């Protein structure tokens, strides 16, 4: 086995594990009842951008569609975590508002009645 073969095998192994490792995080965010407060938008946006631009570089500069696809899949998983977090935080804000009102409507109404 050459060094190139070894690096390809390791790349395949660890990127496969990385894609699978997103699933527990996605499930934890989906099940979280506290607005996914432990999730950092900054971190996940950085990871999304890094994966997306690596995919773009691999596709455009290296002409490697497989490497590009793997990185775009990673970026999509990161974006899913961000979207689920935003949904959970919005739902939590709505739950904290008065019945029948969103937190944003209640804030607006408080400003009008003052």
N, C-alpha and C. Protein backbone atom coordinates (compact mmCIF):
# COMPACT_ATOMS: atom_id res chain seq x y z
N UNK A 1 0.85 -1.18 0.00
CA UNK A 1 0.00 0.00 0.00
C UNK A 1 0.90 1.24 0.00
N UNK A 2 0.60 2.14 -0.91
CA UNK A 2 1.38 3.38 -1.00
C UNK A 2 0.85 4.39 0.00
N UNK A 3 1.62 5.45 0.18
CA UNK A 3 1.19 6.53 1.07
C UNK A 3 -0.09 7.18 0.53
N UNK A 4 -0.19 7.28 -0.78
CA UNK A 4 -1.41 7.81 -1.40
C UNK A 4 -2.63 6.94 -1.11
N UNK A 5 -2.44 5.62 -1.20
CA UNK A 5 -3.54 4.70 -0.88
C UNK A 5 -3.95 4.82 0.58
N UNK A 6 -2.97 4.89 1.46
CA UNK A 6 -3.25 5.01 2.89
C UNK A 6 -4.00 6.30 3.19
N UNK A 7 -3.55 7.40 2.60
CA UNK A 7 -4.22 8.68 2.85
C UNK A 7 -5.65 8.66 2.33
N UNK A 8 -5.88 8.01 1.18
CA UNK A 8 -7.23 7.90 0.65
C UNK A 8 -8.11 7.08 1.58
N UNK A 9 -7.59 5.96 2.09
CA UNK A 9 -8.37 5.11 3.01
C UNK A 9 -8.71 5.86 4.29
N UNK A 10 -7.74 6.58 4.84
CA UNK A 10 -7.99 7.35 6.06
C UNK A 10 -8.98 8.48 5.82
N UNK A 11 -8.84 9.15 4.69
CA UNK A 11 -9.78 10.22 4.33
C UNK A 11 -11.19 9.66 4.23
N UNK A 12 -11.34 8.55 3.55
CA UNK A 12 -12.65 7.92 3.39
C UNK A 12 -13.23 7.51 4.73
N UNK A 13 -12.42 6.89 5.57
CA UNK A 13 -12.87 6.44 6.88
C UNK A 13 -13.34 7.61 7.74
N UNK A 14 -12.49 8.61 7.89
CA UNK A 14 -12.83 9.70 8.80
C UNK A 14 -13.93 10.60 8.27
N UNK A 15 -14.03 10.79 6.97
CA UNK A 15 -15.13 11.59 6.44
C UNK A 15 -16.45 10.83 6.52
N UNK A 16 -16.39 9.52 6.36
CA UNK A 16 -17.60 8.71 6.56
C UNK A 16 -18.07 8.80 8.00
N UNK A 17 -17.13 8.70 8.94
CA UNK A 17 -17.48 8.84 10.35
C UNK A 17 -18.00 10.23 10.68
N UNK A 18 -17.42 11.24 10.04
CA UNK A 18 -17.85 12.62 10.30
C UNK A 18 -19.30 12.81 9.86
N UNK A 19 -19.66 12.32 8.69
CA UNK A 19 -21.04 12.46 8.23
C UNK A 19 -21.99 11.74 9.17
N UNK A 20 -21.63 10.54 9.59
CA UNK A 20 -22.47 9.78 10.52
C UNK A 20 -22.55 10.49 11.87
N UNK A 21 -21.47 11.15 12.28
CA UNK A 21 -21.45 11.80 13.59
C UNK A 21 -22.39 13.01 13.68
N UNK A 22 -22.83 13.53 12.56
CA UNK A 22 -23.79 14.63 12.60
C UNK A 22 -25.15 14.15 13.11
N UNK A 23 -25.49 12.91 12.86
CA UNK A 23 -26.81 12.40 13.22
C UNK A 23 -27.12 12.54 14.71
N UNK A 24 -26.25 12.13 15.63
CA UNK A 24 -26.59 12.32 17.05
C UNK A 24 -26.80 13.79 17.41
N UNK A 25 -26.00 14.69 16.83
CA UNK A 25 -26.16 16.11 17.12
C UNK A 25 -27.49 16.62 16.59
N UNK A 26 -27.85 16.21 15.39
CA UNK A 26 -29.13 16.62 14.80
C UNK A 26 -30.28 16.10 15.65
N UNK A 27 -30.20 14.86 16.10
CA UNK A 27 -31.27 14.30 16.94
C UNK A 27 -31.34 15.01 18.29
N UNK A 28 -30.20 15.35 18.88
CA UNK A 28 -30.20 16.06 20.17
C UNK A 28 -30.86 17.43 20.02
N UNK A 29 -30.54 18.14 18.96
CA UNK A 29 -31.16 19.45 18.74
C UNK A 29 -32.66 19.28 18.51
N UNK A 30 -33.04 18.31 17.72
CA UNK A 30 -34.47 18.09 17.43
C UNK A 30 -35.25 17.75 18.69
N UNK A 31 -34.65 17.04 19.61
CA UNK A 31 -35.35 16.62 20.84
C UNK A 31 -35.22 17.63 21.98
N UNK A 32 -34.34 18.59 21.85
CA UNK A 32 -34.07 19.54 22.92
C UNK A 32 -35.31 20.38 23.22
N UNK A 33 -35.60 20.56 24.49
CA UNK A 33 -36.77 21.34 24.90
C UNK A 33 -36.39 22.70 25.47
N UNK A 34 -35.12 23.06 25.40
CA UNK A 34 -34.65 24.32 25.96
C UNK A 34 -34.16 25.29 24.88
N UNK A 35 -34.65 25.15 23.69
CA UNK A 35 -34.27 26.06 22.62
C UNK A 35 -32.87 25.83 22.08
N UNK A 36 -32.35 24.62 22.24
CA UNK A 36 -31.00 24.26 21.74
C UNK A 36 -29.97 25.29 22.19
N UNK A 37 -30.03 25.65 23.46
CA UNK A 37 -29.19 26.72 23.99
C UNK A 37 -27.70 26.40 23.97
N UNK A 38 -27.33 25.15 23.88
CA UNK A 38 -25.91 24.78 23.88
C UNK A 38 -25.27 24.90 22.49
N UNK A 39 -26.06 25.17 21.48
CA UNK A 39 -25.54 25.25 20.11
C UNK A 39 -25.04 26.66 19.83
N UNK A 40 -23.84 26.76 19.31
CA UNK A 40 -23.25 28.05 18.95
C UNK A 40 -23.46 28.29 17.45
N UNK A 41 -24.24 29.33 17.13
CA UNK A 41 -24.43 29.67 15.72
C UNK A 41 -23.08 29.97 15.05
N UNK A 42 -22.22 30.71 15.75
CA UNK A 42 -20.94 31.10 15.18
C UNK A 42 -20.12 29.89 14.77
N UNK A 43 -20.03 28.91 15.65
CA UNK A 43 -19.25 27.71 15.35
C UNK A 43 -19.83 26.96 14.17
N UNK A 44 -21.13 26.72 14.20
CA UNK A 44 -21.76 25.94 13.12
C UNK A 44 -21.75 26.69 11.80
N UNK A 45 -21.88 28.02 11.83
CA UNK A 45 -21.76 28.79 10.59
C UNK A 45 -20.34 28.71 10.03
N UNK A 46 -19.35 28.76 10.91
CA UNK A 46 -17.96 28.63 10.47
C UNK A 46 -17.73 27.27 9.83
N UNK A 47 -18.22 26.22 10.46
CA UNK A 47 -18.06 24.87 9.89
C UNK A 47 -18.80 24.74 8.56
N UNK A 48 -19.99 25.34 8.48
CA UNK A 48 -20.74 25.30 7.22
C UNK A 48 -19.95 25.99 6.11
N UNK A 49 -19.45 27.19 6.40
CA UNK A 49 -18.67 27.92 5.41
C UNK A 49 -17.39 27.20 5.01
N UNK A 50 -16.71 26.62 5.99
CA UNK A 50 -15.46 25.90 5.69
C UNK A 50 -15.73 24.70 4.79
N UNK A 51 -16.78 23.95 5.11
CA UNK A 51 -17.10 22.77 4.29
C UNK A 51 -17.58 23.18 2.89
N UNK A 52 -18.42 24.20 2.82
CA UNK A 52 -18.96 24.62 1.52
C UNK A 52 -17.85 25.16 0.62
N UNK A 53 -16.95 25.97 1.18
CA UNK A 53 -15.89 26.52 0.34
C UNK A 53 -14.84 25.47 -0.03
N UNK A 54 -14.62 24.50 0.85
CA UNK A 54 -13.73 23.39 0.48
C UNK A 54 -14.34 22.59 -0.66
N UNK A 55 -15.65 22.39 -0.61
CA UNK A 55 -16.34 21.70 -1.70
C UNK A 55 -16.23 22.48 -3.00
N UNK A 56 -16.41 23.79 -2.90
CA UNK A 56 -16.29 24.64 -4.08
C UNK A 56 -14.87 24.58 -4.66
N UNK A 57 -13.88 24.67 -3.79
CA UNK A 57 -12.49 24.59 -4.23
C UNK A 57 -12.19 23.25 -4.89
N UNK A 58 -12.67 22.18 -4.26
CA UNK A 58 -12.44 20.84 -4.81
C UNK A 58 -13.09 20.68 -6.18
N UNK A 59 -14.28 21.23 -6.34
CA UNK A 59 -14.98 21.11 -7.61
C UNK A 59 -14.39 21.98 -8.70
N UNK A 60 -14.09 23.24 -8.36
CA UNK A 60 -13.63 24.20 -9.37
C UNK A 60 -12.12 24.07 -9.63
N UNK A 61 -11.32 24.09 -8.59
CA UNK A 61 -9.87 24.13 -8.76
C UNK A 61 -9.22 22.77 -8.93
N UNK A 62 -9.75 21.77 -8.24
CA UNK A 62 -9.14 20.44 -8.31
C UNK A 62 -9.84 19.51 -9.30
N UNK A 63 -11.04 19.88 -9.72
CA UNK A 63 -11.80 19.03 -10.63
C UNK A 63 -12.13 17.68 -10.00
N UNK A 64 -12.39 17.68 -8.70
CA UNK A 64 -12.65 16.45 -7.96
C UNK A 64 -14.10 16.45 -7.45
N UNK A 65 -15.03 15.92 -8.25
CA UNK A 65 -16.44 15.98 -7.86
C UNK A 65 -16.76 15.17 -6.60
N UNK A 66 -16.03 14.09 -6.34
CA UNK A 66 -16.30 13.29 -5.14
C UNK A 66 -15.91 14.07 -3.88
N UNK A 67 -14.75 14.68 -3.89
CA UNK A 67 -14.31 15.49 -2.75
C UNK A 67 -15.27 16.67 -2.56
N UNK A 68 -15.69 17.27 -3.65
CA UNK A 68 -16.64 18.37 -3.57
C UNK A 68 -17.95 17.90 -2.95
N UNK A 69 -18.46 16.77 -3.40
CA UNK A 69 -19.74 16.26 -2.89
C UNK A 69 -19.67 15.93 -1.40
N UNK A 70 -18.57 15.35 -0.97
CA UNK A 70 -18.41 15.02 0.45
C UNK A 70 -18.45 16.29 1.29
N UNK A 71 -17.76 17.31 0.84
CA UNK A 71 -17.73 18.56 1.61
C UNK A 71 -19.07 19.28 1.56
N UNK A 72 -19.78 19.20 0.45
CA UNK A 72 -21.10 19.80 0.38
C UNK A 72 -22.09 19.05 1.27
N UNK A 73 -21.94 17.74 1.36
CA UNK A 73 -22.77 16.97 2.29
C UNK A 73 -22.49 17.38 3.73
N UNK A 74 -21.23 17.57 4.07
CA UNK A 74 -20.89 18.07 5.40
C UNK A 74 -21.49 19.45 5.64
N UNK A 75 -21.41 20.32 4.65
CA UNK A 75 -22.00 21.65 4.78
C UNK A 75 -23.51 21.57 4.97
N UNK A 76 -24.16 20.67 4.24
CA UNK A 76 -25.61 20.51 4.38
C UNK A 76 -25.98 20.02 5.78
N UNK A 77 -25.19 19.11 6.33
CA UNK A 77 -25.45 18.63 7.69
C UNK A 77 -25.29 19.76 8.70
N UNK A 78 -24.27 20.57 8.53
CA UNK A 78 -24.07 21.72 9.42
C UNK A 78 -25.23 22.71 9.28
N UNK A 79 -25.67 22.96 8.07
CA UNK A 79 -26.79 23.87 7.84
C UNK A 79 -28.07 23.33 8.47
N UNK A 80 -28.24 22.02 8.45
CA UNK A 80 -29.41 21.41 9.09
C UNK A 80 -29.38 21.64 10.60
N UNK A 81 -28.22 21.53 11.22
CA UNK A 81 -28.11 21.83 12.66
C UNK A 81 -28.49 23.28 12.92
N UNK A 82 -28.03 24.20 12.09
CA UNK A 82 -28.35 25.62 12.25
C UNK A 82 -29.85 25.85 12.09
N UNK A 83 -30.45 25.26 11.07
CA UNK A 83 -31.88 25.43 10.82
C UNK A 83 -32.72 24.86 11.96
N UNK A 84 -32.36 23.68 12.44
CA UNK A 84 -33.10 23.09 13.56
C UNK A 84 -32.96 23.94 14.82
N UNK A 85 -31.77 24.47 15.05
CA UNK A 85 -31.55 25.32 16.22
C UNK A 85 -32.41 26.58 16.13
N UNK A 86 -32.43 27.20 14.97
CA UNK A 86 -33.26 28.40 14.79
C UNK A 86 -34.73 28.08 15.01
N UNK A 87 -35.19 26.96 14.50
CA UNK A 87 -36.58 26.54 14.68
C UNK A 87 -36.89 26.31 16.15
N UNK A 88 -36.00 25.61 16.86
CA UNK A 88 -36.21 25.32 18.28
C UNK A 88 -36.21 26.61 19.10
N UNK A 89 -35.33 27.53 18.79
CA UNK A 89 -35.27 28.80 19.54
C UNK A 89 -36.49 29.65 19.26
N UNK A 90 -36.95 29.64 18.04
CA UNK A 90 -38.17 30.39 17.71
C UNK A 90 -39.37 29.78 18.42
N UNK A 91 -39.46 28.46 18.43
CA UNK A 91 -40.57 27.78 19.11
C UNK A 91 -40.53 28.07 20.60
N UNK A 92 -39.35 28.10 21.18
CA UNK A 92 -39.23 28.39 22.61
C UNK A 92 -39.66 29.82 22.90
N UNK A 93 -39.28 30.76 22.05
CA UNK A 93 -39.69 32.15 22.24
C UNK A 93 -41.20 32.28 22.14
N UNK A 94 -41.80 31.55 21.19
CA UNK A 94 -43.26 31.58 21.05
C UNK A 94 -43.94 30.96 22.26
N UNK A 95 -43.38 29.89 22.81
CA UNK A 95 -43.95 29.24 24.00
C UNK A 95 -43.88 30.13 25.22
N UNK A 96 -42.86 30.98 25.29
CA UNK A 96 -42.68 31.86 26.44
C UNK A 96 -43.62 33.06 26.40
N UNK A 97 -44.20 33.33 25.24
CA UNK A 97 -45.11 34.47 25.09
C UNK A 97 -46.48 34.12 25.66
N UNK A 98 -47.33 35.12 25.75
CA UNK A 98 -48.70 34.90 26.20
C UNK A 98 -49.41 33.97 25.23
N UNK A 99 -50.39 33.20 25.71
CA UNK A 99 -51.14 32.31 24.80
C UNK A 99 -51.73 33.09 23.63
N UNK A 100 -51.52 32.56 22.44
CA UNK A 100 -52.07 33.18 21.24
C UNK A 100 -51.22 34.28 20.64
N UNK A 101 -50.13 34.62 21.30
CA UNK A 101 -49.26 35.67 20.79
C UNK A 101 -47.85 35.14 20.62
N UNK A 102 -47.15 35.63 19.61
CA UNK A 102 -45.73 35.28 19.53
C UNK A 102 -44.98 36.26 20.41
N UNK A 103 -43.78 35.92 20.78
CA UNK A 103 -42.97 36.82 21.59
C UNK A 103 -42.75 38.15 20.90
N UNK A 104 -42.69 38.14 19.59
CA UNK A 104 -42.45 39.36 18.84
C UNK A 104 -43.69 40.25 18.85
N UNK A 105 -44.87 39.65 18.75
CA UNK A 105 -46.11 40.42 18.81
C UNK A 105 -46.29 41.03 20.19
N UNK A 106 -46.02 40.24 21.24
CA UNK A 106 -46.17 40.73 22.60
C UNK A 106 -45.24 41.91 22.84
N UNK A 107 -44.03 41.86 22.34
CA UNK A 107 -43.08 42.95 22.49
C UNK A 107 -43.60 44.19 21.78
N UNK A 108 -44.13 44.02 20.60
CA UNK A 108 -44.68 45.15 19.85
C UNK A 108 -45.87 45.75 20.57
N UNK A 109 -46.76 44.91 21.09
CA UNK A 109 -47.94 45.40 21.79
C UNK A 109 -47.55 46.13 23.07
N UNK A 110 -46.53 45.66 23.78
CA UNK A 110 -46.07 46.35 24.98
C UNK A 110 -45.57 47.74 24.63
N UNK A 111 -44.88 47.85 23.51
CA UNK A 111 -44.36 49.15 23.10
C UNK A 111 -45.49 50.11 22.73
N UNK A 112 -46.57 49.60 22.16
CA UNK A 112 -47.68 50.46 21.75
C UNK A 112 -48.50 50.92 22.95
N UNK A 113 -48.62 50.09 23.98
CA UNK A 113 -49.48 50.44 25.10
C UNK A 113 -48.78 51.35 26.11
N UNK A 114 -47.50 51.60 25.93
CA UNK A 114 -46.76 52.40 26.91
C UNK A 114 -46.99 53.85 26.73
